Structures are given as C-alpha cells and as structure tokens.
PDB file of N, CA and C in Angstrom:
ATOM      1  N   MET A   1       0.620  -1.253  -0.047  1.00  0.00           N
ATOM      2  CA  MET A   1       0.034   0.031   0.087  1.00  0.00           C
ATOM      3  C   MET A   1       1.032   1.028  -0.079  1.00  0.00           C
ATOM      4  N   PRO A   2       0.829   2.009  -0.954  1.00  0.00           N
ATOM      5  CA  PRO A   2       1.771   3.358  -0.929  1.00  0.00           C
ATOM      6  C   PRO A   2       1.350   4.278   0.185  1.00  0.00           C
ATOM      7  N   LYS A   3       2.146   4.950   0.231  1.00  0.00           N
ATOM      8  CA  LYS A   3       1.991   6.109   1.486  1.00  0.00           C
ATOM      9  C   LYS A   3       1.015   7.151   0.743  1.00  0.00           C
ATOM     10  N   ILE A   4       0.149   8.049   1.702  1.00  0.00           N
ATOM     11  CA  ILE A   4      -0.524   9.137   1.156  1.00  0.00           C
ATOM     12  C   ILE A   4       0.061  10.305   1.301  1.00  0.00           C
ATOM     13  N   LYS A   5      -0.224  10.899   0.167  1.00  0.00           N
ATOM     14  CA  LYS A   5       0.509  12.266  -0.032  1.00  0.00           C
ATOM     15  C   LYS A   5       0.186  13.350   1.274  1.00  0.00           C
ATOM     16  N   THR A   6       0.737  14.127   1.713  1.00  0.00           N
ATOM     17  CA  THR A   6       0.238  15.255   2.606  1.00  0.00           C
ATOM     18  C   THR A   6       0.076  16.414   1.616  1.00  0.00           C
ATOM     19  N   HIS A   7      -0.923  17.109   1.866  1.00  0.00           N
ATOM     20  CA  HIS A   7      -1.038  18.272   1.034  1.00  0.00           C
ATOM     21  C   HIS A   7      -0.152  19.393   1.467  1.00  0.00           C
ATOM     22  N   SER A   8       0.926  19.851   0.365  1.00  0.00           N
ATOM     23  CA  SER A   8       1.669  20.866   0.547  1.00  0.00           C
ATOM     24  C   SER A   8       1.191  22.264   0.979  1.00  0.00           C
ATOM     25  N   GLY A   9       0.142  22.597   0.673  1.00  0.00           N
ATOM     26  CA  GLY A   9      -0.305  23.779   1.234  1.00  0.00           C
ATOM     27  C   GLY A   9      -0.955  23.907   2.489  1.00  0.00           C
ATOM     28  N   ALA A  10      -1.339  22.710   2.821  1.00  0.00           N
ATOM     29  CA  ALA A  10      -1.902  22.702   4.276  1.00  0.00           C
ATOM     30  C   ALA A  10      -0.737  22.670   5.500  1.00  0.00           C
ATOM     31  N   LYS A  11       0.261  21.844   4.918  1.00  0.00           N
ATOM     32  CA  LYS A  11       1.390  21.804   5.918  1.00  0.00           C
ATOM     33  C   LYS A  11       1.917  22.978   6.209  1.00  0.00           C
ATOM     34  N   ARG A  12       2.144  23.986   5.295  1.00  0.00           N
ATOM     35  CA  ARG A  12       2.544  25.200   5.098  1.00  0.00           C
ATOM     36  C   ARG A  12       1.504  26.169   6.285  1.00  0.00           C
ATOM     37  N   ARG A  13       0.376  25.987   6.206  1.00  0.00           N
ATOM     38  CA  ARG A  13      -0.481  26.842   6.652  1.00  0.00           C
ATOM     39  C   ARG A  13      -1.140  26.401   8.245  1.00  0.00           C
ATOM     40  N   PHE A  14      -1.103  25.478   8.459  1.00  0.00           N
ATOM     41  CA  PHE A  14      -1.741  24.498   9.617  1.00  0.00           C
ATOM     42  C   PHE A  14      -0.590  23.834  10.405  1.00  0.00           C
ATOM     43  N   HIS A  15      -0.772  23.989  11.809  1.00  0.00           N
ATOM     44  CA  HIS A  15       0.009  23.170  12.804  1.00  0.00           C
ATOM     45  C   HIS A  15      -0.832  22.513  13.888  1.00  0.00           C
ATOM     46  N   ILE A  16      -0.640  21.146  13.744  1.00  0.00           N
ATOM     47  CA  ILE A  16      -1.154  20.440  14.922  1.00  0.00           C
ATOM     48  C   ILE A  16      -0.313  20.226  16.113  1.00  0.00           C
ATOM     49  N   THR A  17      -1.102  20.392  17.190  1.00  0.00           N
ATOM     50  CA  THR A  17      -0.257  20.273  18.620  1.00  0.00           C
ATOM     51  C   THR A  17      -0.439  18.848  18.898  1.00  0.00           C
ATOM     52  N   ALA A  18       0.168  18.693  19.953  1.00  0.00           N
ATOM     53  CA  ALA A  18       0.449  17.250  20.573  1.00  0.00           C
ATOM     54  C   ALA A  18      -1.020  16.803  21.092  1.00  0.00           C
ATOM     55  N   GLY A  19      -1.860  17.721  21.399  1.00  0.00           N
ATOM     56  CA  GLY A  19      -3.141  17.149  21.975  1.00  0.00           C
ATOM     57  C   GLY A  19      -4.218  17.010  20.664  1.00  0.00           C
ATOM     58  N   GLY A  20      -3.660  17.372  19.668  1.00  0.00           N
ATOM     59  CA  GLY A  20      -4.454  17.295  18.432  1.00  0.00           C
ATOM     60  C   GLY A  20      -5.416  18.465  17.847  1.00  0.00           C
ATOM     61  N   LYS A  21      -5.344  19.582  18.518  1.00  0.00           N
ATOM     62  CA  LYS A  21      -5.745  20.554  18.207  1.00  0.00           C
ATOM     63  C   LYS A  21      -5.087  21.158  16.725  1.00  0.00           C
ATOM     64  N   VAL A  22      -5.878  21.880  15.866  1.00  0.00           N
ATOM     65  CA  VAL A  22      -5.376  22.408  14.849  1.00  0.00           C
ATOM     66  C   VAL A  22      -5.331  23.943  14.899  1.00  0.00           C
ATOM     67  N   LEU A  23      -4.053  24.401  14.560  1.00  0.00           N
ATOM     68  CA  LEU A  23      -3.855  25.968  14.629  1.00  0.00           C
ATOM     69  C   LEU A  23      -3.534  26.440  13.503  1.00  0.00           C
ATOM     70  N   ARG A  24      -4.233  27.688  13.344  1.00  0.00           N
ATOM     71  CA  ARG A  24      -3.834  28.523  12.161  1.00  0.00           C
ATOM     72  C   ARG A  24      -3.339  29.868  12.264  1.00  0.00           C
ATOM     73  N   THR A  25      -2.529  30.430  11.481  1.00  0.00           N
ATOM     74  CA  THR A  25      -2.166  31.825  11.554  1.00  0.00           C
ATOM     75  C   THR A  25      -3.293  32.609  11.311  1.00  0.00           C
ATOM     76  N   LYS A  26      -3.191  34.109  11.635  1.00  0.00           N
ATOM     77  CA  LYS A  26      -4.146  34.989  11.265  1.00  0.00           C
ATOM     78  C   LYS A  26      -3.842  35.769  10.152  1.00  0.00           C
ATOM     79  N   GLY A  27      -4.830  36.334   9.535  1.00  0.00           N
ATOM     80  CA  GLY A  27      -4.765  36.976   8.008  1.00  0.00           C
ATOM     81  C   GLY A  27      -3.607  37.866   7.522  1.00  0.00           C
ATOM     82  N   PRO A  28      -3.893  38.955   7.189  1.00  0.00           N
ATOM     83  CA  PRO A  28      -3.294  39.911   6.438  1.00  0.00           C
ATOM     84  C   PRO A  28      -2.067  40.577   7.480  1.00  0.00           C
ATOM     85  N   LYS A  29      -0.827  39.750   7.551  1.00  0.00           N
ATOM     86  CA  LYS A  29       0.059  40.157   8.553  1.00  0.00           C
ATOM     87  C   LYS A  29       1.145  40.992   7.861  1.00  0.00           C
ATOM     88  N   SER A  30       1.380  40.911   6.672  1.00  0.00           N
ATOM     89  CA  SER A  30       2.607  41.233   5.904  1.00  0.00           C
ATOM     90  C   SER A  30       2.351  42.376   5.296  1.00  0.00           C
ATOM     91  N   HIS A  31       1.063  42.534   4.685  1.00  0.00           N
ATOM     92  CA  HIS A  31       0.744  43.566   3.413  1.00  0.00           C
ATOM     93  C   HIS A  31       0.511  44.853   4.171  1.00  0.00           C
ATOM     94  N   LEU A  32       0.846  45.700   3.739  1.00  0.00           N
ATOM     95  CA  LEU A  32       0.795  47.385   4.315  1.00  0.00           C
ATOM     96  C   LEU A  32       0.957  47.325   5.774  1.00  0.00           C
ATOM     97  N   ARG A  33       2.105  46.894   6.339  1.00  0.00           N
ATOM     98  CA  ARG A  33       2.263  46.835   7.836  1.00  0.00           C
ATOM     99  C   ARG A  33       2.552  48.063   8.458  1.00  0.00           C
ATOM    100  N   ARG A  34       3.016  48.954   7.602  1.00  0.00           N
ATOM    101  CA  ARG A  34       3.503  50.234   8.256  1.00  0.00           C
ATOM    102  C   ARG A  34       2.465  50.974   8.783  1.00  0.00           C
ATOM    103  N   ARG A  35       1.120  50.889   7.945  1.00  0.00           N
ATOM    104  CA  ARG A  35       0.084  51.690   8.447  1.00  0.00           C
ATOM    105  C   ARG A  35      -0.764  50.991   9.331  1.00  0.00           C
ATOM    106  N   LYS A  36      -0.495  49.946   9.801  1.00  0.00           N
ATOM    107  CA  LYS A  36      -1.216  49.226  10.777  1.00  0.00           C
ATOM    108  C   LYS A  36      -0.951  49.688  12.138  1.00  0.00           C
ATOM    109  N   SER A  37      -2.034  49.888  13.037  1.00  0.00           N
ATOM    110  CA  SER A  37      -1.567  50.424  14.489  1.00  0.00           C
ATOM    111  C   SER A  37      -0.779  49.191  15.251  1.00  0.00           C
ATOM    112  N   ASP A  38      -0.107  49.298  16.298  1.00  0.00           N
ATOM    113  CA  ASP A  38       0.574  48.359  16.690  1.00  0.00           C
ATOM    114  C   ASP A  38      -0.431  47.332  17.735  1.00  0.00           C
ATOM    115  N   ARG A  39      -1.584  47.939  17.900  1.00  0.00           N
ATOM    116  CA  ARG A  39      -2.462  46.988  18.487  1.00  0.00           C
ATOM    117  C   ARG A  39      -3.294  45.908  17.432  1.00  0.00           C
ATOM    118  N   VAL A  40      -3.261  46.338  16.304  1.00  0.00           N
ATOM    119  CA  VAL A  40      -3.796  45.286  15.258  1.00  0.00           C
ATOM    120  C   VAL A  40      -2.673  44.481  15.069  1.00  0.00           C
ATOM    121  N   LYS A  41      -1.433  44.825  14.702  1.00  0.00           N
ATOM    122  CA  LYS A  41      -0.407  44.034  14.642  1.00  0.00           C
ATOM    123  C   LYS A  41       0.038  42.927  15.893  1.00  0.00           C
ATOM    124  N   SER A  42      -0.500  43.391  16.931  1.00  0.00           N
ATOM    125  CA  SER A  42      -0.151  42.252  18.076  1.00  0.00           C
ATOM    126  C   SER A  42      -1.331  41.500  18.045  1.00  0.00           C
ATOM    127  N   LYS A  43      -2.808  41.732  17.379  1.00  0.00           N
ATOM    128  CA  LYS A  43      -3.545  41.008  17.507  1.00  0.00           C
ATOM    129  C   LYS A  43      -3.578  40.074  16.429  1.00  0.00           C
ATOM    130  N   LEU A  44      -2.874  40.103  15.289  1.00  0.00           N
ATOM    131  CA  LEU A  44      -2.346  39.387  14.149  1.00  0.00           C
ATOM    132  C   LEU A  44      -1.464  38.459  14.516  1.00  0.00           C
ATOM    133  N   ALA A  45      -0.491  38.654  15.642  1.00  0.00           N
ATOM    134  CA  ALA A  45       0.741  37.613  15.951  1.00  0.00           C
ATOM    135  C   ALA A  45       0.157  36.665  16.672  1.00  0.00           C
ATOM    136  N   GLY A  46       0.669  35.557  16.634  1.00  0.00           N
ATOM    137  CA  GLY A  46       0.378  34.220  17.355  1.00  0.00           C
ATOM    138  C   GLY A  46      -0.795  33.274  16.662  1.00  0.00           C
ATOM    139  N   LYS A  47      -1.095  32.213  16.962  1.00  0.00           N
ATOM    140  CA  LYS A  47      -1.766  31.413  16.100  1.00  0.00           C
ATOM    141  C   LYS A  47      -3.398  31.256  17.001  1.00  0.00           C
ATOM    142  N   VAL A  48      -4.244  30.664  16.257  1.00  0.00           N
ATOM    143  CA  VAL A  48      -5.599  30.470  16.883  1.00  0.00           C
ATOM    144  C   VAL A  48      -5.843  29.156  16.416  1.00  0.00           C
ATOM    145  N   GLY A  49      -6.972  28.505  17.158  1.00  0.00           N
ATOM    146  CA  GLY A  49      -7.513  27.165  16.605  1.00  0.00           C
ATOM    147  C   GLY A  49      -8.784  27.319  15.529  1.00  0.00           C
ATOM    148  N   VAL A  50      -8.753  26.434  15.058  1.00  0.00           N
ATOM    149  CA  VAL A  50      -9.998  26.258  13.941  1.00  0.00           C
ATOM    150  C   VAL A  50     -11.165  25.569  14.449  1.00  0.00           C
ATOM    151  N   SER A  51     -12.157  25.762  13.759  1.00  0.00           N
ATOM    152  CA  SER A  51     -13.515  25.028  14.162  1.00  0.00           C
ATOM    153  C   SER A  51     -13.423  23.579  14.215  1.00  0.00           C
ATOM    154  N   LYS A  52     -14.132  23.021  14.790  1.00  0.00           N
ATOM    155  CA  LYS A  52     -14.191  21.299  14.800  1.00  0.00           C
ATOM    156  C   LYS A  52     -14.302  20.568  13.575  1.00  0.00           C
ATOM    157  N   SER A  53     -15.238  21.230  12.732  1.00  0.00           N
ATOM    158  CA  SER A  53     -15.638  20.679  11.645  1.00  0.00           C
ATOM    159  C   SER A  53     -14.562  21.075  10.452  1.00  0.00           C
ATOM    160  N   PHE A  54     -13.938  22.124  10.575  1.00  0.00           N
ATOM    161  CA  PHE A  54     -12.657  22.395   9.664  1.00  0.00           C
ATOM    162  C   PHE A  54     -11.553  21.714   9.930  1.00  0.00           C
ATOM    163  N   ALA A  55     -11.260  21.230  11.355  1.00  0.00           N
ATOM    164  CA  ALA A  55      -9.998  20.539  11.936  1.00  0.00           C
ATOM    165  C   ALA A  55     -10.194  19.267  11.247  1.00  0.00           C
ATOM    166  N   ARG A  56     -11.614  18.574  11.041  1.00  0.00           N
ATOM    167  CA  ARG A  56     -11.538  17.395  10.683  1.00  0.00           C
ATOM    168  C   ARG A  56     -10.988  17.458   8.869  1.00  0.00           C
ATOM    169  N   ARG A  57     -11.481  18.233   8.206  1.00  0.00           N
ATOM    170  CA  ARG A  57     -10.986  18.431   7.056  1.00  0.00           C
ATOM    171  C   ARG A  57      -9.406  18.539   6.991  1.00  0.00           C
ATOM    172  N   ILE A  58      -8.820  19.279   7.756  1.00  0.00           N
ATOM    173  CA  ILE A  58      -7.371  19.655   7.792  1.00  0.00           C
ATOM    174  C   ILE A  58      -6.789  18.323   8.067  1.00  0.00           C
ATOM    175  N   LYS A  59      -7.119  17.749   9.085  1.00  0.00           N
ATOM    176  CA  LYS A  59      -6.571  16.234   9.372  1.00  0.00           C
ATOM    177  C   LYS A  59      -6.619  15.347   8.318  1.00  0.00           C
ATOM    178  N   ALA A  60      -7.592  15.507   7.297  1.00  0.00           N
ATOM    179  CA  ALA A  60      -7.588  14.562   6.187  1.00  0.00           C
ATOM    180  C   ALA A  60      -6.652  14.968   5.476  1.00  0.00           C
ATOM    181  N   LEU A  61      -6.230  16.126   5.171  1.00  0.00           N
ATOM    182  CA  LEU A  61      -5.112  16.628   4.214  1.00  0.00           C
ATOM    183  C   LEU A  61      -3.858  16.414   4.759  1.00  0.00           C
ATOM    184  N   MET A  62      -3.658  16.111   6.006  1.00  0.00           N
ATOM    185  CA  MET A  62      -2.444  15.950   6.764  1.00  0.00           C
ATOM    186  C   MET A  62      -2.281  14.589   7.366  1.00  0.00           C
ATOM    187  N   PRO A  63      -2.413  13.481   6.700  1.00  0.00           N
ATOM    188  CA  PRO A  63      -2.525  12.015   7.280  1.00  0.00           C
ATOM    189  C   PRO A  63      -1.511  11.707   8.387  1.00  0.00           C
ATOM    190  N   TYR A  64      -0.160  12.186   8.347  1.00  0.00           N
ATOM    191  CA  TYR A  64       1.016  11.793   9.154  1.00  0.00           C
ATOM    192  C   TYR A  64       1.211  12.992  10.024  1.00  0.00           C
ATOM    193  N   ALA A  65       0.433  13.966  10.373  1.00  0.00           N
ATOM    194  CA  ALA A  65       0.651  15.115  11.252  1.00  0.00           C
ATOM    195  C   ALA A  65       0.325  14.524  12.648  1.00  0.00           C
TER     196      ALA A  65
END
C-alpha cells in the first residue's frame, strides 16, 4: 500500500498540537504593515484554533501530522 501524500499547502498553513488541536495563523500580517497600528499588529500575531468541523478536513489533508 503506497503512502498517502500530505497536502503541501496545508502543511505550510496549519500546525497540529500534541493534543490534536489544529492551529492556524491569522490573516493579512505582512501586507501594508507600516500603516497598521501596534494594537492590530499584536492581534495578528500568534496562532488561533480552527473550528471542529474544519479541523476534521485539515487532518484529512495531513495524514501523518
């Protein structure tokens, strides 16, 4: 049985924790960064979780994660 390929776009965009949660990075961080306030830039930093139904789809794209 051949190995299942991991979706290369998903492996760049999502991170799966040891507990099995799927994390994503937030949106437009790099574009027009100079005119964004410090408050907005700090809100865009870090990672947030995805919904349960979407996490199921992501895990299907990343079988070995």
